[in-house]
Structures are given as structure tokens and as C-alpha cells.
Amino acid sequence: MLDPEDVENELVHIDDQLITIEDSLDVISDEFLHLDEQLAVHIEAEEERQNIGDDDDPVLDPVAYDASPYDEWVVESDREIDELAQILAREAESNLDWVSEKNM
């Protein structure tokens, strides 16, 4: 026959194991939620990176992509170089017109 004290001890041991399992499940659930949030952020960032190339405008605003201030400076300097090249091209065309008029 079973001793009631042994049965009670075994039930207490099983109960302790169940409490330990429940605590472990809480930790696992928290970790799973954390990983799920990280995955969502990663997917969102990846989608944003893919959408960057979809724009037809060749000049991109670096602030929209969480770029560093240096990146913004580079984009701005590229714009200024383009503007300078256009000014120089107009000046060269103007000088050619002046030379052509003088040689006529």
C-alpha cells in the first residue's frame, strides 16, 4: 500500500517542478516577444532600404534614411558641385558666343 506521506512528498515535488516550468515559460515567452519585436524592426528597416531605390529622383534626402550628418554633407556638396558645373557650362557657352560674334 502507498504511504500517504510519500504521495504528498511526491505531489509537492511535482508542484515545485510545475512552478519551475511555469517560470521558465515566462522567461521564454518574454524572450520570444523580444525577438519578435527585433524581427519586426529588422523587417521594417529592410523594407525601407528596398523602397529607397524605388524613387525616380536621383538626389536622395539622407535625413529620411537616418543617415549621419556626414552623409547629408556629402549629398549637399554633390548638389553644389552640380550647380557649379551648370554655372560653368553657361559661362563657357556665353564665352563661345562672344568669341563667335567677335570673329564674324
N, C-alpha and C. Protein backbone atom coordinates (compact mmCIF):
# COMPACT_ATOMS: atom_id res chain seq x y z
N MET A 1 0.82 -1.17 0.00
CA MET A 1 0.00 0.00 0.00
C MET A 1 0.88 1.25 0.00
N LEU A 2 0.34 2.32 -0.54
CA LEU A 2 1.09 3.56 -0.64
C LEU A 2 1.02 4.35 0.66
N ASP A 3 2.17 4.86 1.02
CA ASP A 3 2.24 5.68 2.22
C ASP A 3 1.76 7.09 1.86
N PRO A 4 0.78 7.62 2.59
CA PRO A 4 0.25 8.96 2.27
C PRO A 4 1.32 10.06 2.33
N GLU A 5 2.27 9.89 3.21
CA GLU A 5 3.33 10.91 3.31
C GLU A 5 4.21 10.90 2.05
N ASP A 6 4.50 9.73 1.51
CA ASP A 6 5.30 9.62 0.28
C ASP A 6 4.54 10.24 -0.90
N VAL A 7 3.26 9.98 -0.95
CA VAL A 7 2.43 10.55 -2.03
C VAL A 7 2.41 12.07 -1.91
N GLU A 8 2.26 12.57 -0.71
CA GLU A 8 2.24 14.02 -0.50
C GLU A 8 3.59 14.63 -0.89
N ASN A 9 4.68 13.99 -0.51
CA ASN A 9 6.02 14.48 -0.87
C ASN A 9 6.21 14.49 -2.39
N GLU A 10 5.71 13.44 -3.02
CA GLU A 10 5.83 13.37 -4.49
C GLU A 10 4.99 14.46 -5.15
N LEU A 11 3.81 14.72 -4.63
CA LEU A 11 2.96 15.79 -5.17
C LEU A 11 3.60 17.16 -4.97
N VAL A 12 4.23 17.38 -3.82
CA VAL A 12 4.92 18.64 -3.57
C VAL A 12 6.09 18.78 -4.55
N HIS A 13 6.79 17.70 -4.79
CA HIS A 13 7.91 17.73 -5.74
C HIS A 13 7.40 18.05 -7.15
N ILE A 14 6.32 17.42 -7.56
CA ILE A 14 5.72 17.68 -8.88
C ILE A 14 5.25 19.12 -8.97
N ASP A 15 4.66 19.63 -7.91
CA ASP A 15 4.19 21.02 -7.89
C ASP A 15 5.37 21.99 -8.03
N ASP A 16 6.47 21.70 -7.35
CA ASP A 16 7.67 22.54 -7.48
C ASP A 16 8.19 22.51 -8.91
N GLN A 17 8.18 21.34 -9.53
CA GLN A 17 8.64 21.23 -10.92
C GLN A 17 7.72 22.04 -11.85
N LEU A 18 6.43 21.96 -11.62
CA LEU A 18 5.49 22.72 -12.44
C LEU A 18 5.69 24.23 -12.29
N ILE A 19 5.97 24.68 -11.08
CA ILE A 19 6.24 26.10 -10.84
C ILE A 19 7.52 26.51 -11.58
N THR A 20 8.53 25.66 -11.54
CA THR A 20 9.79 25.94 -12.25
C THR A 20 9.55 26.00 -13.76
N ILE A 21 8.75 25.08 -14.26
CA ILE A 21 8.42 25.08 -15.69
C ILE A 21 7.65 26.34 -16.06
N GLU A 22 6.71 26.73 -15.23
CA GLU A 22 5.93 27.94 -15.50
C GLU A 22 6.83 29.18 -15.53
N ASP A 23 7.77 29.27 -14.59
CA ASP A 23 8.72 30.39 -14.58
C ASP A 23 9.57 30.38 -15.85
N SER A 24 10.01 29.20 -16.24
CA SER A 24 10.82 29.08 -17.45
C SER A 24 10.02 29.49 -18.68
N LEU A 25 8.76 29.11 -18.71
CA LEU A 25 7.90 29.50 -19.83
C LEU A 25 7.72 31.02 -19.89
N ASP A 26 7.62 31.66 -18.75
CA ASP A 26 7.51 33.12 -18.73
C ASP A 26 8.77 33.76 -19.31
N VAL A 27 9.92 33.25 -18.94
CA VAL A 27 11.18 33.76 -19.47
C VAL A 27 11.25 33.53 -20.98
N ILE A 28 10.88 32.33 -21.40
CA ILE A 28 10.90 32.00 -22.83
C ILE A 28 9.92 32.90 -23.59
N SER A 29 8.74 33.13 -23.02
CA SER A 29 7.76 33.99 -23.67
C SER A 29 8.28 35.42 -23.80
N ASP A 30 8.92 35.92 -22.75
CA ASP A 30 9.50 37.27 -22.81
C ASP A 30 10.58 37.35 -23.88
N GLU A 31 11.44 36.34 -23.93
CA GLU A 31 12.50 36.31 -24.95
C GLU A 31 11.90 36.23 -26.35
N PHE A 32 10.85 35.42 -26.50
CA PHE A 32 10.20 35.29 -27.80
C PHE A 32 9.62 36.63 -28.23
N LEU A 33 8.95 37.33 -27.32
CA LEU A 33 8.39 38.64 -27.65
C LEU A 33 9.49 39.63 -28.02
N HIS A 34 10.59 39.59 -27.29
CA HIS A 34 11.72 40.47 -27.60
C HIS A 34 12.27 40.17 -29.00
N LEU A 35 12.46 38.90 -29.32
CA LEU A 35 12.94 38.52 -30.64
C LEU A 35 11.95 38.90 -31.73
N ASP A 36 10.67 38.76 -31.44
CA ASP A 36 9.63 39.13 -32.39
C ASP A 36 9.68 40.63 -32.68
N GLU A 37 9.88 41.44 -31.65
CA GLU A 37 10.00 42.89 -31.83
C GLU A 37 11.24 43.23 -32.66
N GLN A 38 12.36 42.56 -32.37
CA GLN A 38 13.58 42.80 -33.13
C GLN A 38 13.39 42.43 -34.60
N LEU A 39 12.71 41.32 -34.85
CA LEU A 39 12.46 40.89 -36.21
C LEU A 39 11.58 41.91 -36.94
N ALA A 40 10.56 42.42 -36.25
CA ALA A 40 9.68 43.41 -36.86
C ALA A 40 10.46 44.67 -37.23
N VAL A 41 11.34 45.11 -36.34
CA VAL A 41 12.16 46.30 -36.63
C VAL A 41 13.09 46.02 -37.80
N HIS A 42 13.69 44.84 -37.83
CA HIS A 42 14.58 44.48 -38.92
C HIS A 42 13.83 44.44 -40.26
N ILE A 43 12.66 43.84 -40.27
CA ILE A 43 11.87 43.75 -41.50
C ILE A 43 11.47 45.15 -41.97
N GLU A 44 11.06 46.00 -41.04
CA GLU A 44 10.68 47.37 -41.39
C GLU A 44 11.87 48.13 -41.97
N ALA A 45 13.03 47.98 -41.37
CA ALA A 45 14.24 48.65 -41.87
C ALA A 45 14.61 48.12 -43.25
N GLU A 46 14.48 46.83 -43.45
CA GLU A 46 14.80 46.23 -44.76
C GLU A 46 13.83 46.73 -45.82
N GLU A 47 12.55 46.83 -45.48
CA GLU A 47 11.57 47.35 -46.43
C GLU A 47 11.87 48.80 -46.79
N GLU A 48 12.28 49.60 -45.80
CA GLU A 48 12.64 50.98 -46.07
C GLU A 48 13.85 51.04 -47.00
N ARG A 49 14.84 50.18 -46.78
CA ARG A 49 16.01 50.15 -47.65
C ARG A 49 15.62 49.78 -49.07
N GLN A 50 14.70 48.85 -49.23
CA GLN A 50 14.26 48.44 -50.56
C GLN A 50 13.47 49.55 -51.23
N ASN A 51 12.70 50.31 -50.45
CA ASN A 51 11.90 51.38 -51.01
C ASN A 51 12.74 52.58 -51.43
N ILE A 52 13.95 52.69 -50.90
CA ILE A 52 14.82 53.81 -51.26
C ILE A 52 15.09 53.80 -52.75
N GLY A 53 15.37 52.66 -53.31
CA GLY A 53 15.69 52.56 -54.73
C GLY A 53 14.49 52.73 -55.64
N ASP A 54 13.28 52.74 -55.11
CA ASP A 54 12.08 52.86 -55.93
C ASP A 54 11.82 54.28 -56.38
N ASP A 55 12.43 55.25 -55.77
CA ASP A 55 12.20 56.65 -56.10
C ASP A 55 12.91 56.99 -57.40
N ASP A 56 12.22 57.72 -58.30
CA ASP A 56 12.81 58.11 -59.58
C ASP A 56 13.77 59.27 -59.43
N ASP A 57 13.68 60.00 -58.34
CA ASP A 57 14.54 61.15 -58.10
C ASP A 57 15.95 60.68 -57.76
N PRO A 58 16.97 61.06 -58.56
CA PRO A 58 18.32 60.58 -58.27
C PRO A 58 18.95 61.19 -57.04
N VAL A 59 18.46 62.36 -56.62
CA VAL A 59 19.01 63.01 -55.43
C VAL A 59 18.15 62.59 -54.25
N LEU A 60 18.74 61.88 -53.32
CA LEU A 60 18.01 61.36 -52.17
C LEU A 60 18.26 62.23 -50.96
N ASP A 61 17.25 62.37 -50.13
CA ASP A 61 17.38 63.14 -48.90
C ASP A 61 17.89 62.20 -47.82
N PRO A 62 19.13 62.39 -47.35
CA PRO A 62 19.69 61.43 -46.38
C PRO A 62 19.01 61.45 -45.04
N VAL A 63 18.33 62.52 -44.69
CA VAL A 63 17.66 62.60 -43.39
C VAL A 63 16.55 61.55 -43.31
N ALA A 64 15.93 61.24 -44.45
CA ALA A 64 14.83 60.28 -44.48
C ALA A 64 15.30 58.87 -44.16
N TYR A 65 16.59 58.60 -44.25
CA TYR A 65 17.10 57.25 -44.03
C TYR A 65 17.96 57.16 -42.78
N ASP A 66 17.80 58.08 -41.88
CA ASP A 66 18.58 58.11 -40.64
C ASP A 66 20.08 58.11 -40.95
N ALA A 67 20.45 58.89 -41.94
CA ALA A 67 21.86 58.97 -42.33
C ALA A 67 22.61 59.86 -41.34
N SER A 68 23.91 59.72 -41.35
CA SER A 68 24.73 60.54 -40.48
C SER A 68 24.83 61.95 -41.05
N PRO A 69 25.19 62.94 -40.24
CA PRO A 69 25.36 64.30 -40.75
C PRO A 69 26.41 64.36 -41.86
N TYR A 70 27.41 63.50 -41.80
CA TYR A 70 28.42 63.47 -42.85
C TYR A 70 27.78 63.11 -44.19
N ASP A 71 26.87 62.12 -44.20
CA ASP A 71 26.20 61.73 -45.43
C ASP A 71 25.40 62.89 -46.00
N GLU A 72 24.74 63.64 -45.13
CA GLU A 72 23.96 64.79 -45.57
C GLU A 72 24.90 65.83 -46.18
N TRP A 73 26.06 66.02 -45.56
CA TRP A 73 27.03 66.98 -46.08
C TRP A 73 27.52 66.56 -47.47
N VAL A 74 27.76 65.26 -47.67
CA VAL A 74 28.22 64.77 -48.96
C VAL A 74 27.16 65.02 -50.03
N VAL A 75 25.90 64.73 -49.72
CA VAL A 75 24.83 64.94 -50.68
C VAL A 75 24.73 66.43 -51.02
N GLU A 76 24.83 67.29 -50.00
CA GLU A 76 24.76 68.73 -50.23
C GLU A 76 25.94 69.21 -51.08
N SER A 77 27.13 68.69 -50.81
CA SER A 77 28.29 69.10 -51.61
C SER A 77 28.15 68.62 -53.05
N ASP A 78 27.56 67.43 -53.25
CA ASP A 78 27.32 66.95 -54.62
C ASP A 78 26.35 67.88 -55.35
N ARG A 79 25.33 68.35 -54.65
CA ARG A 79 24.38 69.29 -55.26
C ARG A 79 25.09 70.58 -55.65
N GLU A 80 25.94 71.05 -54.75
CA GLU A 80 26.66 72.29 -55.03
C GLU A 80 27.61 72.12 -56.21
N ILE A 81 28.25 70.97 -56.32
CA ILE A 81 29.13 70.69 -57.46
C ILE A 81 28.33 70.68 -58.75
N ASP A 82 27.14 70.07 -58.74
CA ASP A 82 26.28 70.06 -59.92
C ASP A 82 25.88 71.48 -60.32
N GLU A 83 25.52 72.29 -59.32
CA GLU A 83 25.16 73.68 -59.61
C GLU A 83 26.35 74.44 -60.19
N LEU A 84 27.52 74.23 -59.64
CA LEU A 84 28.73 74.89 -60.13
C LEU A 84 29.02 74.45 -61.57
N ALA A 85 28.86 73.18 -61.85
CA ALA A 85 29.09 72.68 -63.22
C ALA A 85 28.12 73.33 -64.20
N GLN A 86 26.88 73.53 -63.78
CA GLN A 86 25.89 74.18 -64.65
C GLN A 86 26.26 75.64 -64.89
N ILE A 87 26.71 76.31 -63.85
CA ILE A 87 27.13 77.72 -64.00
C ILE A 87 28.32 77.81 -64.95
N LEU A 88 29.30 76.92 -64.77
CA LEU A 88 30.48 76.93 -65.64
C LEU A 88 30.10 76.62 -67.08
N ALA A 89 29.17 75.72 -67.29
CA ALA A 89 28.73 75.38 -68.64
C ALA A 89 28.05 76.58 -69.29
N ARG A 90 27.22 77.31 -68.53
CA ARG A 90 26.58 78.53 -69.08
C ARG A 90 27.62 79.58 -69.42
N GLU A 91 28.61 79.75 -68.53
CA GLU A 91 29.68 80.73 -68.78
C GLU A 91 30.49 80.35 -70.01
N ALA A 92 30.79 79.08 -70.16
CA ALA A 92 31.56 78.62 -71.33
C ALA A 92 30.76 78.87 -72.60
N GLU A 93 29.46 78.58 -72.56
CA GLU A 93 28.61 78.82 -73.72
C GLU A 93 28.56 80.31 -74.04
N SER A 94 28.45 81.13 -73.02
CA SER A 94 28.43 82.58 -73.21
C SER A 94 29.74 83.06 -73.83
N ASN A 95 30.86 82.54 -73.34
CA ASN A 95 32.17 82.92 -73.90
C ASN A 95 32.30 82.47 -75.34
N LEU A 96 31.80 81.28 -75.68
CA LEU A 96 31.85 80.82 -77.06
C LEU A 96 31.02 81.72 -77.97
N ASP A 97 29.85 82.15 -77.48
CA ASP A 97 29.02 83.07 -78.25
C ASP A 97 29.77 84.39 -78.48
N TRP A 98 30.42 84.86 -77.45
CA TRP A 98 31.15 86.13 -77.56
C TRP A 98 32.29 86.01 -78.57
N VAL A 99 33.06 84.89 -78.51
CA VAL A 99 34.15 84.66 -79.45
C VAL A 99 33.62 84.54 -80.87
N SER A 100 32.50 83.83 -81.03
CA SER A 100 31.92 83.67 -82.37
C SER A 100 31.50 85.01 -82.93
N GLU A 101 30.88 85.86 -82.12
CA GLU A 101 30.46 87.17 -82.57
C GLU A 101 31.67 88.02 -82.93
N LYS A 102 32.74 87.93 -82.18
CA LYS A 102 33.93 88.73 -82.42
C LYS A 102 34.63 88.31 -83.71
N ASN A 103 34.61 87.03 -84.02
CA ASN A 103 35.26 86.51 -85.22
C ASN A 103 34.44 86.71 -86.48
N MET A 104 33.24 87.17 -86.39
CA MET A 104 32.40 87.37 -87.56
C MET A 104 32.69 88.66 -88.22
